[in-house]
Each structure stands twice: as C-alpha cells, then as structure tokens.
Amino acid sequence: MPRKLSTAHEIQQEVFSRLHAIEEVIEDRATIVVPFPQWNEPDEHGCNWHMSMFGGDAASYIGAIQHVLAETRAEHQLKDDQ
C-alpha cells in the first residue's frame, strides 16, 4: 500500500495521538513528548523519515514507542518540501 504524504507536523501529531491512546499511557497519566520527524534518504523499507529524542515519560514506554513508530513509518512518507 502506498504511504500517505504528510508534513512533519502531521506525522508528529499522528505519533502523539497513537501513543497517548494506549491504555497504559492513559492509566498512568503519562505524557510523552514527541519530536518532529527528521528527513533521511529512503531506507530499505522505503521510509524517508525517523524520530529520536522522545521526552517526558518516554523512557517508561520504549516498546510502545517503537511499535507506534514502525506502524506510522509504514503508513506515512515525509513530504519533500520541508
């Protein structure tokens, strides 16, 4: 399936929404600070962005962050006109 072309802000908001919809994050009243995606040459899967340096309570949810990033990277391509 082709990826949706999205702005950095749209991708950031999508990751934020998915992370903060996780039951454990809601129950813990955690806040995960989500960075803007950074452009990179398309990787072996064709994705042209990555994220690093999550903040807030991120250290407690590394597995969830990795899962959400994998899903979102499979669905969204960063627009070139950043």
C-alpha atoms as a PDB file:
ATOM      1  CA  MET A   1       0.000   0.000   0.000  1.00  0.00           C
ATOM      2  CA  PRO A   2       1.412   3.436  -0.864  1.00  0.00           C
ATOM      3  CA  ARG A   3       2.306   5.705   2.003  1.00  0.00           C
ATOM      4  CA  LYS A   4       0.371   8.889   2.643  1.00  0.00           C
ATOM      5  CA  LEU A   5       2.415  12.055   2.001  1.00  0.00           C
ATOM      6  CA  SER A   6       2.411  14.004   5.255  1.00  0.00           C
ATOM      7  CA  THR A   7       4.053  17.100   6.690  1.00  0.00           C
ATOM      8  CA  ALA A   8       6.368  16.852   9.682  1.00  0.00           C
ATOM      9  CA  HIS A   9       3.644  18.359  11.859  1.00  0.00           C
ATOM     10  CA  GLU A  10       1.064  15.812  10.655  1.00  0.00           C
ATOM     11  CA  ILE A  11       3.407  12.906  11.381  1.00  0.00           C
ATOM     12  CA  GLN A  12       4.279  14.312  14.804  1.00  0.00           C
ATOM     13  CA  GLN A  13       0.583  14.653  15.643  1.00  0.00           C
ATOM     14  CA  GLU A  14      -0.202  11.138  14.398  1.00  0.00           C
ATOM     15  CA  VAL A  15       2.531   9.602  16.575  1.00  0.00           C
ATOM     16  CA  PHE A  16       1.434  11.728  19.556  1.00  0.00           C
ATOM     17  CA  SER A  17      -2.207  10.673  19.153  1.00  0.00           C
ATOM     18  CA  ARG A  18      -1.370   6.982  18.843  1.00  0.00           C
ATOM     19  CA  LEU A  19       0.934   6.993  21.850  1.00  0.00           C
ATOM     20  CA  HIS A  20      -1.497   8.877  24.064  1.00  0.00           C
ATOM     21  CA  ALA A  21      -4.341   6.500  23.089  1.00  0.00           C
ATOM     22  CA  ILE A  22      -2.505   3.490  24.577  1.00  0.00           C
ATOM     23  CA  GLU A  23      -4.402   2.238  27.625  1.00  0.00           C
ATOM     24  CA  GLU A  24      -1.312   2.025  29.842  1.00  0.00           C
ATOM     25  CA  VAL A  25      -0.258   5.597  28.952  1.00  0.00           C
ATOM     26  CA  ILE A  26      -3.780   6.829  29.735  1.00  0.00           C
ATOM     27  CA  GLU A  27      -3.961   4.905  33.021  1.00  0.00           C
ATOM     28  CA  ASP A  28      -0.547   6.197  34.091  1.00  0.00           C
ATOM     29  CA  ARG A  29      -1.490   9.749  33.060  1.00  0.00           C
ATOM     30  CA  ALA A  30       1.846   9.823  31.282  1.00  0.00           C
ATOM     31  CA  THR A  31       2.973  12.459  28.851  1.00  0.00           C
ATOM     32  CA  ILE A  32       5.327  11.553  26.045  1.00  0.00           C
ATOM     33  CA  VAL A  33       6.986  14.457  24.258  1.00  0.00           C
ATOM     34  CA  VAL A  34       7.101  13.608  20.550  1.00  0.00           C
ATOM     35  CA  PRO A  35       9.780  15.254  18.371  1.00  0.00           C
ATOM     36  CA  PHE A  36       9.376  16.356  14.757  1.00  0.00           C
ATOM     37  CA  PRO A  37      10.342  13.659  12.279  1.00  0.00           C
ATOM     38  CA  GLN A  38      13.693  14.129  10.562  1.00  0.00           C
ATOM     39  CA  TRP A  39      14.083  13.501   6.834  1.00  0.00           C
ATOM     40  CA  ASN A  40      16.516  10.839   5.643  1.00  0.00           C
ATOM     41  CA  GLU A  41      17.224   9.029   2.402  1.00  0.00           C
ATOM     42  CA  PRO A  42      14.638   6.259   1.960  1.00  0.00           C
ATOM     43  CA  ASP A  43      15.672   3.198   3.949  1.00  0.00           C
ATOM     44  CA  GLU A  44      15.400  -0.460   2.930  1.00  0.00           C
ATOM     45  CA  HIS A  45      11.637  -0.283   3.534  1.00  0.00           C
ATOM     46  CA  GLY A  46      11.231   2.965   1.564  1.00  0.00           C
ATOM     47  CA  CYS A  47      10.564   5.223   4.528  1.00  0.00           C
ATOM     48  CA  ASN A  48      12.203   8.651   4.365  1.00  0.00           C
ATOM     49  CA  TRP A  49      11.987   9.824   7.981  1.00  0.00           C
ATOM     50  CA  HIS A  50      12.880   8.899  11.535  1.00  0.00           C
ATOM     51  CA  MET A  51      12.325  10.242  15.041  1.00  0.00           C
ATOM     52  CA  SER A  52      14.622  10.334  18.019  1.00  0.00           C
ATOM     53  CA  MET A  53      14.920  12.062  21.365  1.00  0.00           C
ATOM     54  CA  PHE A  54      11.435  11.471  22.777  1.00  0.00           C
ATOM     55  CA  GLY A  55      10.942  13.235  26.092  1.00  0.00           C
ATOM     56  CA  GLY A  56       8.703  13.389  29.118  1.00  0.00           C
ATOM     57  CA  ASP A  57       7.779   9.916  30.326  1.00  0.00           C
ATOM     58  CA  ALA A  58       9.101   8.238  27.153  1.00  0.00           C
ATOM     59  CA  ALA A  59      11.676   6.081  28.950  1.00  0.00           C
ATOM     60  CA  SER A  60       8.845   4.039  30.500  1.00  0.00           C
ATOM     61  CA  TYR A  61       7.270   3.269  27.117  1.00  0.00           C
ATOM     62  CA  ILE A  62      10.145   2.396  24.785  1.00  0.00           C
ATOM     63  CA  GLY A  63       8.399  -0.719  23.434  1.00  0.00           C
ATOM     64  CA  ALA A  64       5.180   1.166  22.723  1.00  0.00           C
ATOM     65  CA  ILE A  65       7.108   3.972  21.028  1.00  0.00           C
ATOM     66  CA  GLN A  66       8.959   1.505  18.804  1.00  0.00           C
ATOM     67  CA  HIS A  67       5.700  -0.194  17.852  1.00  0.00           C
ATOM     68  CA  VAL A  68       3.908   3.088  17.048  1.00  0.00           C
ATOM     69  CA  LEU A  69       6.893   4.330  15.052  1.00  0.00           C
ATOM     70  CA  ALA A  70       7.017   1.137  12.986  1.00  0.00           C
ATOM     71  CA  GLU A  71       3.308   1.400  12.188  1.00  0.00           C
ATOM     72  CA  THR A  72       3.448   5.102  11.375  1.00  0.00           C
ATOM     73  CA  ARG A  73       6.604   4.791   9.260  1.00  0.00           C
ATOM     74  CA  ALA A  74       4.852   2.082   7.209  1.00  0.00           C
ATOM     75  CA  GLU A  75       1.886   4.395   6.584  1.00  0.00           C
ATOM     76  CA  HIS A  76       3.402   7.883   6.148  1.00  0.00           C
ATOM     77  CA  GLN A  77       6.045   9.428   3.898  1.00  0.00           C
ATOM     78  CA  LEU A  78       7.507  12.829   4.798  1.00  0.00           C
ATOM     79  CA  LYS A  79       6.762  15.444   2.153  1.00  0.00           C
ATOM     80  CA  ASP A  80       9.888  16.664   0.361  1.00  0.00           C
ATOM     81  CA  ASP A  81       9.012  20.337   0.731  1.00  0.00           C
ATOM     82  CA  GLN A  82      10.018  20.544   4.375  1.00  0.00           C
END
